[in-house]
Protein backbone atom coordinates (compact mmCIF):
# COMPACT_ATOMS: atom_id res chain seq x y z
CA MET A 1 -51.87 -74.22 -20.84
CA LYS A 2 -50.39 -73.14 -17.39
CA LYS A 3 -46.92 -74.36 -18.59
CA TYR A 4 -47.16 -72.69 -21.84
CA ILE A 5 -48.03 -69.36 -20.13
CA LEU A 6 -45.12 -69.76 -17.47
CA SER A 7 -42.79 -70.51 -20.42
CA LEU A 8 -43.59 -67.23 -21.92
CA ILE A 9 -43.15 -65.32 -18.61
CA LEU A 10 -39.85 -66.70 -18.06
CA GLY A 11 -38.81 -66.00 -21.73
CA SER A 12 -39.97 -62.54 -21.57
CA THR A 13 -37.90 -62.16 -18.38
CA LEU A 14 -34.93 -63.39 -19.89
CA LEU A 15 -35.41 -61.38 -22.90
CA CYS A 16 -35.71 -58.21 -20.89
CA SER A 17 -32.70 -59.07 -18.94
CA CYS A 18 -30.79 -59.67 -21.86
CA VAL A 19 -31.77 -56.43 -23.50
CA GLU A 20 -30.95 -54.49 -20.21
CA ILE A 21 -27.70 -56.02 -20.37
CA SER A 22 -27.04 -55.34 -24.17
CA VAL A 23 -28.28 -51.58 -23.69
CA ALA A 24 -25.82 -51.25 -20.38
CA LYS A 25 -23.04 -52.66 -22.55
CA GLU A 26 -23.89 -50.44 -25.44
CA SER A 27 -24.08 -47.35 -23.29
CA TRP A 28 -20.49 -48.12 -22.09
CA SER A 29 -19.10 -49.08 -25.28
CA LYS A 30 -20.55 -46.11 -26.85
CA TYR A 31 -18.62 -43.52 -24.62
CA PHE A 32 -15.67 -45.69 -23.23
CA ASP A 33 -13.30 -48.24 -24.52
CA GLY A 34 -13.05 -51.55 -23.07
CA ASN A 35 -10.07 -50.90 -20.76
CA THR A 36 -11.37 -47.58 -19.35
CA THR A 37 -14.73 -49.21 -18.67
CA SER A 38 -13.03 -51.91 -16.66
CA GLN A 39 -11.22 -49.36 -14.61
CA TRP A 40 -14.54 -47.47 -13.78
CA LYS A 41 -16.30 -50.40 -13.00
CA GLN A 42 -13.37 -51.75 -10.64
CA GLU A 43 -13.67 -48.42 -8.78
CA GLY A 44 -17.44 -49.05 -8.01
CA PHE A 45 -18.69 -46.36 -10.62
CA THR A 46 -21.84 -46.80 -12.58
CA PHE A 47 -22.10 -45.57 -16.05
CA GLU A 48 -24.04 -42.49 -15.25
CA GLU A 49 -21.42 -41.70 -12.48
CA ALA A 50 -18.45 -42.20 -14.75
CA GLN A 51 -20.27 -39.95 -17.40
CA GLU A 52 -20.86 -37.17 -14.76
CA TRP A 53 -16.91 -37.27 -13.53
CA THR A 54 -16.08 -37.19 -17.37
CA TYR A 55 -18.31 -34.38 -18.02
CA HIS A 56 -16.96 -32.25 -15.10
CA PHE A 57 -13.15 -33.06 -15.56
CA ASN A 58 -11.63 -34.49 -18.63
CA PRO A 59 -13.48 -36.00 -21.72
CA SER A 60 -10.23 -37.95 -22.62
CA LEU A 61 -11.31 -40.17 -19.56
CA ALA A 62 -13.60 -41.83 -21.81
CA GLY A 63 -10.80 -43.41 -23.70
CA LEU A 64 -12.57 -42.21 -26.70
CA PRO A 65 -11.75 -39.32 -29.00
CA ASP A 66 -15.35 -38.74 -30.12
CA PHE A 67 -16.85 -38.37 -26.65
CA PRO A 68 -20.03 -36.58 -27.39
CA SER A 69 -20.69 -32.73 -26.99
CA THR A 70 -23.37 -33.82 -24.79
CA PRO A 71 -23.08 -34.42 -21.72
CA HIS A 72 -19.56 -32.80 -22.15
CA ALA A 73 -19.73 -29.29 -20.54
CA PRO A 74 -17.79 -26.44 -21.78
CA TYR A 75 -15.18 -26.83 -19.15
CA ASP A 76 -11.41 -26.53 -19.54
CA SER A 77 -10.02 -30.08 -19.64
CA MET A 78 -8.26 -31.15 -16.25
CA PRO A 79 -6.26 -34.15 -17.43
CA ASP A 80 -4.42 -34.55 -13.98
CA LEU A 81 -7.78 -36.35 -12.72
CA THR A 82 -7.36 -39.99 -12.81
CA ILE A 83 -10.04 -42.60 -12.45
CA SER A 84 -8.50 -43.41 -9.06
CA LYS A 85 -8.39 -40.12 -7.91
CA ALA A 86 -12.16 -39.60 -8.87
CA ALA A 87 -12.61 -42.79 -6.82
CA ALA A 88 -11.09 -41.14 -3.73
CA TRP A 89 -13.16 -38.12 -4.09
CA LYS A 90 -16.24 -40.05 -4.41
CA LYS A 91 -15.37 -42.16 -1.24
CA ALA A 92 -15.03 -38.79 0.47
CA GLN A 93 -18.44 -38.02 -0.38
CA VAL A 94 -17.65 -35.34 -2.70
CA ASP A 95 -19.62 -34.90 -5.92
CA PRO A 96 -17.81 -33.95 -9.26
CA ALA A 97 -18.92 -30.51 -9.37
CA ASP A 98 -17.52 -29.73 -5.94
CA ALA A 99 -14.40 -31.74 -6.47
CA ARG A 100 -13.73 -29.70 -9.82
CA LYS A 101 -14.05 -26.49 -7.52
CA TRP A 102 -11.51 -27.93 -5.00
CA VAL A 103 -9.09 -28.76 -7.69
CA ILE A 104 -9.30 -25.51 -9.45
CA MET A 105 -8.37 -23.97 -5.85
CA GLY A 106 -5.22 -26.08 -5.99
CA PHE A 107 -6.25 -29.20 -4.03
CA HIS A 108 -5.64 -32.73 -5.64
CA GLY A 109 -7.42 -34.94 -3.38
CA PRO A 110 -9.84 -35.23 -0.49
CA MET A 111 -6.74 -35.78 1.80
CA GLU A 112 -5.53 -32.22 1.23
CA ILE A 113 -9.06 -30.61 2.10
CA ALA A 114 -9.57 -32.86 5.11
CA PRO A 115 -7.65 -30.65 7.46
CA TRP A 116 -9.66 -27.64 6.52
CA LEU A 117 -12.98 -29.34 6.84
CA GLU A 118 -11.93 -30.82 10.15
CA LYS A 119 -11.50 -27.08 11.26
CA GLY A 120 -15.02 -26.33 10.18
CA PHE A 121 -14.13 -24.10 7.49
CA SER A 122 -16.36 -24.22 4.15
CA ARG A 123 -14.76 -24.37 0.53
CA GLU A 124 -15.63 -20.62 0.19
CA GLN A 125 -13.80 -19.70 3.15
CA VAL A 126 -11.09 -21.76 2.30
CA LYS A 127 -10.81 -19.99 -1.21
CA GLU A 128 -10.78 -16.57 0.74
CA TYR A 129 -7.98 -17.66 3.30
CA ILE A 130 -5.82 -19.00 0.44
CA ALA A 131 -6.28 -15.74 -1.46
CA TYR A 132 -5.07 -13.90 1.60
CA GLY A 133 -1.92 -16.03 1.72
CA PHE A 134 -2.98 -18.64 4.31
CA LYS A 135 -2.62 -22.15 3.20
CA ASP A 136 -2.50 -23.89 6.43
CA PRO A 137 -5.81 -24.17 8.38
CA LYS A 138 -3.72 -24.42 11.67
CA ILE A 139 -2.26 -20.94 10.99
CA VAL A 140 -5.84 -19.47 10.21
CA SER A 141 -6.95 -21.18 13.53
CA GLU A 142 -3.94 -19.52 15.29
CA TRP A 143 -5.01 -16.06 13.95
CA GLN A 144 -8.62 -16.44 14.83
CA ALA A 145 -7.67 -17.62 18.43
CA LEU A 146 -5.85 -14.26 18.85
CA LYS A 147 -9.10 -12.39 17.79
CA PHE A 148 -8.02 -11.34 14.34
CA THR A 149 -11.07 -10.62 12.19
CA THR A 150 -11.08 -11.58 8.40
CA ALA A 151 -10.36 -8.03 7.57
CA ALA A 152 -7.41 -7.88 9.56
CA MET A 153 -6.21 -11.17 8.14
CA LYS A 154 -6.71 -9.89 4.55
CA GLU A 155 -4.54 -6.77 5.75
CA TRP A 156 -1.67 -8.42 7.27
CA ARG A 157 -1.88 -11.76 5.04
CA SER A 158 0.45 -14.62 6.17
CA GLU A 159 3.92 -12.95 5.75
CA LEU A 160 4.18 -12.55 9.52
CA GLU A 161 3.47 -14.90 12.62
CA ALA A 162 0.28 -14.06 14.17
CA ASN A 163 2.09 -13.28 17.61
CA GLU A 164 4.46 -10.95 15.80
CA VAL A 165 1.52 -9.11 14.17
CA ILE A 166 -0.08 -8.62 17.58
CA GLU A 167 3.05 -6.83 18.74
CA TRP A 168 3.04 -4.61 15.77
CA VAL A 169 -0.83 -3.85 16.17
CA GLN A 170 -0.44 -3.13 20.01
CA MET A 171 2.44 -0.54 19.22
CA GLY A 172 -0.05 1.27 16.80
CA PHE A 173 1.41 -0.01 13.56
CA ASN A 174 -0.55 -1.14 10.40
CA LYS A 175 0.61 -3.61 7.75
CA ALA A 176 2.26 -0.99 5.50
CA GLN A 177 4.19 0.77 8.39
CA ALA A 178 5.34 -2.46 9.79
CA SER A 179 6.50 -3.71 6.35
CA ALA A 180 8.37 -0.46 5.84
CA CYS A 181 10.10 -0.69 9.26
CA LYS A 182 11.04 -4.53 8.47
CA ASN A 183 12.33 -3.45 4.96
CA ASN A 184 14.55 -0.72 6.69
CA ARG A 185 15.94 -3.63 8.95
CA TYR A 186 14.14 -2.74 12.25
CA THR A 187 13.18 -5.71 14.37
CA ILE A 188 10.10 -5.49 16.86
CA GLU A 189 12.76 -5.07 19.47
CA ASP A 190 14.33 -2.17 17.77
CA VAL A 191 11.02 -0.57 17.47
CA LYS A 192 10.50 -0.87 21.22
CA VAL A 193 13.60 0.51 22.02
CA LEU A 194 12.63 3.49 19.85
CA ASN A 195 9.22 3.79 21.90
CA GLN A 196 10.90 3.52 25.08
CA SER A 197 13.24 6.61 24.25
CA GLY A 198 10.32 8.76 24.68
CA LEU A 199 9.16 8.97 21.01
CA LYS A 200 5.50 9.18 19.96
CA PRO A 201 4.19 6.44 18.00
CA GLU A 202 4.14 8.59 14.76
CA GLU A 203 7.78 9.71 15.33
CA THR A 204 8.93 6.10 15.62
CA GLN A 205 6.85 5.17 12.68
CA ARG A 206 8.61 8.03 10.59
CA ILE A 207 12.06 7.06 11.59
CA CYS A 208 11.85 3.26 11.03
CA GLY A 209 9.54 3.60 8.11
CA ASN A 210 11.65 6.24 6.16
CA MET A 211 15.25 5.71 7.32
CA ALA A 212 17.40 2.53 7.33
CA LYS A 213 18.44 1.35 10.62
CA GLU A 214 22.27 2.09 9.79
CA VAL A 215 21.51 5.61 8.53
CA ARG A 216 19.54 6.29 11.78
CA ILE A 217 22.71 5.34 13.71
CA ASN A 218 24.94 7.78 11.69
CA TRP A 219 22.58 10.51 12.59
CA GLU A 220 22.71 9.69 16.51
CA THR A 221 26.71 9.49 15.88
CA ASN A 222 26.51 12.98 14.84
CA LYS A 223 24.77 13.88 18.01
CA PHE A 224 21.22 14.16 16.58
CA THR A 225 18.69 12.94 19.37
CA LEU A 226 15.89 10.61 18.48
CA LYS A 227 13.53 13.53 18.89
CA GLU A 228 15.40 15.61 16.39
CA ILE A 229 16.11 13.09 13.71
CA PRO A 230 12.38 13.13 12.28
CA ARG A 231 12.44 16.92 12.39
CA TRP A 232 15.70 17.25 10.57
CA SER A 233 15.58 14.36 8.19
CA ARG A 234 12.53 15.39 6.66
CA ASN A 235 13.79 18.30 4.59
CA PHE A 236 17.61 17.93 4.89
CA SER A 237 20.51 15.27 4.42
CA LEU A 238 22.71 14.48 7.42
CA GLU A 239 25.41 16.92 6.01
CA GLU A 240 22.98 19.80 5.60
CA ALA A 241 21.37 19.28 8.77
CA THR A 242 24.71 19.13 10.63
CA GLY A 243 25.50 22.51 9.13
CA TRP A 244 22.35 24.39 9.76
CA ARG A 245 22.16 22.92 13.63
CA ASP A 246 25.85 24.12 14.31
CA ALA A 247 24.80 27.69 12.88
CA HIS A 248 22.33 27.47 15.69
CA PHE A 249 19.16 27.07 13.58
CA THR A 250 16.32 24.93 14.42
CA PRO A 251 14.89 22.77 11.96
CA ASP A 252 11.84 25.01 11.13
CA GLU A 253 14.19 28.01 10.99
CA ALA A 254 16.59 26.07 8.63
CA TYR A 255 13.77 25.02 6.44
CA LYS A 256 12.37 28.74 6.18
CA TYR A 257 15.77 30.04 5.37
CA LYS A 258 17.00 27.21 3.14
CA SER A 259 16.44 29.07 0.02
CA PHE A 260 18.59 31.98 1.24
CA GLY A 261 21.54 29.60 1.47
CA GLN A 262 23.20 29.08 5.02
CA LYS A 263 25.53 32.21 4.71
CA ASN A 264 22.96 34.42 4.00
CA ALA A 265 20.63 32.86 6.34
CA VAL A 266 22.95 33.53 9.13
CA LYS A 267 23.02 37.32 8.21
CA VAL A 268 19.20 37.25 8.07
CA LYS A 269 18.73 35.50 11.52
CA GLN A 270 21.21 37.99 13.15
CA LEU A 271 19.71 41.22 11.84
CA CYS A 272 16.13 39.66 12.28
CA PRO A 273 16.31 37.97 15.64
CA SER A 274 12.60 37.88 15.91
CA GLY A 275 12.11 36.22 12.52
CA VAL A 276 10.85 37.30 9.25
CA LYS A 277 7.08 38.05 8.57
CA SER A 278 5.27 37.54 5.34
CA VAL A 279 4.77 39.77 2.22
CA SER A 280 0.95 40.01 3.12
CA ASP A 281 1.87 41.21 6.67
CA LEU A 282 4.00 44.00 5.15
CA PHE A 283 1.26 44.98 2.72
CA SER A 284 -1.33 45.42 5.33
CA ALA A 285 0.96 47.08 7.92
CA ASN A 286 0.64 50.88 8.85
CA PRO A 287 4.05 52.54 7.81
CA TYR A 288 4.36 54.01 11.51
CA ASP A 289 4.44 50.20 12.76
CA VAL A 290 7.38 48.55 10.69
CA ALA A 291 10.16 49.88 12.60
CA GLY A 292 12.63 47.12 13.73
CA ILE A 293 10.28 44.32 11.90
CA CYS A 294 11.55 42.13 9.20
CA TYR A 295 9.43 41.12 6.21
CA GLU A 296 9.74 39.09 3.14
CA PHE A 297 9.37 41.33 -0.05
CA VAL A 298 8.79 40.85 -3.63
CA GLY A 299 7.95 43.98 -5.83
CA GLU A 300 8.58 46.01 -9.19
CA THR A 301 11.04 49.02 -9.21
CA GLN A 302 8.78 52.10 -9.61
CA GLN A 303 11.62 54.97 -9.51
CA ILE A 304 15.32 54.87 -8.87
CA LEU A 305 16.09 57.73 -6.50
CA THR A 306 19.74 57.37 -5.91
CA ARG A 307 22.36 54.65 -6.70
CA SER A 308 21.17 52.69 -3.55
CA THR A 309 17.56 53.87 -2.98
CA ALA A 310 14.33 53.53 -5.05
CA LEU A 311 10.57 53.37 -4.71
CA PHE A 312 9.15 50.12 -5.35
CA ASN A 313 5.62 49.16 -6.08
CA GLN A 314 3.64 46.02 -4.51
CA SER A 315 0.40 45.49 -5.66
CA GLY A 316 -0.46 49.04 -5.98
CA ARG A 317 1.17 50.15 -2.90
CA GLY A 318 4.59 52.09 -2.52
CA PHE A 319 7.70 51.29 -0.58
CA TYR A 320 11.07 53.10 0.09
CA ILE A 321 14.00 50.87 0.33
CA ASP A 322 17.48 51.68 1.10
CA PHE A 323 20.24 49.13 -0.17
CA GLY A 324 23.12 50.48 1.75
CA LYS A 325 26.47 49.98 -0.31
CA ALA A 326 24.68 47.84 -2.84
CA SER A 327 22.92 49.09 -6.06
CA ALA A 328 19.17 49.41 -6.16
CA PRO A 329 17.77 46.75 -8.44
CA ALA A 330 16.44 48.48 -11.77
CA ILE A 331 13.60 46.02 -12.44
CA TYR A 332 12.33 44.30 -9.43
CA PHE A 333 13.35 43.20 -5.85
CA ARG A 334 12.81 39.93 -4.08
CA GLY A 335 14.28 39.43 -0.71
CA VAL A 336 14.00 40.31 3.02
CA VAL A 337 13.77 43.96 4.41
CA LYS A 338 13.59 45.51 7.77
CA GLY A 339 11.33 48.37 8.66
CA VAL A 340 13.08 51.78 9.66
CA GLY A 341 9.79 54.05 9.83
CA VAL A 342 7.89 56.63 7.43
CA TYR A 343 9.14 57.79 4.08
CA ASP A 344 7.74 61.09 2.95
CA TYR A 345 7.84 62.12 -0.58
CA THR A 346 5.69 64.38 -3.18
CA THR A 347 4.57 62.94 -6.25
CA THR A 348 5.06 64.98 -9.43
CA MET A 349 1.30 65.93 -9.14
CA GLY A 350 2.01 67.52 -6.08
CA ALA A 351 0.44 64.92 -3.60
CA ALA A 352 2.11 64.33 -0.21
CA LYS A 353 2.87 60.36 0.23
CA LYS A 354 3.74 58.41 3.25
CA VAL A 355 5.23 54.93 2.66
CA PRO A 356 7.21 52.30 4.81
CA HIS A 357 10.88 53.01 4.91
CA LEU A 358 12.69 49.85 4.67
CA THR A 359 16.51 48.71 4.44
CA SER A 360 17.45 45.62 2.51
CA VAL A 361 18.54 42.70 4.71
CA TYR A 362 18.98 39.95 1.97
CA GLN A 363 18.63 40.36 -1.79
CA GLY A 364 17.65 37.38 -3.61
CA GLU A 365 18.71 36.41 -7.13
């Protein structure tokens, strides 16, 4: 009886083992062909592990066209992952889901991510630094050692060496300003020379950021100082600026009189050495206070009095203007006038009027 029971137990055990082996074989053969199965096993993968790596990377690793939709996830296939590469990831203790994320970031094996991990960077940090152009963990460490924040690294990216960036920052430049100067062929040493010449940081930035190095040298050759160049070049070409300067205009005066043309501007400056006040200044002035003062003027012709004199209306207020040898404009006048004093006249209704008496200095077109 005991022999019979022992025989049954042994038989059952052998039967179970055979069934398990059969099921295992059936599991592999259902999803993987013989050659692929052999490769997975040689690399030390269990069926479940092989299934998971296939799930995360490439259904074609199964070696069969009908790998089932489950457990296959809706991922784009990544056919560059071989079974041997999967083994390398596994050996580095990186699971399939994480390995896939590394591969998407451009890494093709654990040897490539090792330098980052050795520096203590997480995958998310690596992803961020790569997005900023930093592909070498050593360079990231160098930037961090120089106290660059992640925000600063994002701004400057990896186009320049960290030590060079430090110098730009110390001189008051941001990334855009430094890039503009470099595009205009200025080196850091060139910028230092500009700073040492007495320019303010914003003046240096304006020169090297807006003017090619060769162009700046041309300005200096024409006897413009570094202090003058930003002021003149903002509104004038080198040729224009030279003409206005030689006519004894400052940059501000030249800009103000630019619309007159240089020839007329010289005349206006000679007759109005104290400058030209605005239209609103004239409108609000007492007629007894205008003598000797120059003003801009825009107004409609109210009444022609003689060939060269007329009354003009500016927003309801009257003005008498003498044009000397020129004809008084018949419709409107825009230009520069100079105060003489008070002009008295009587209207057709018998009302006495006192208005500013002006002479024309410049008549616009």
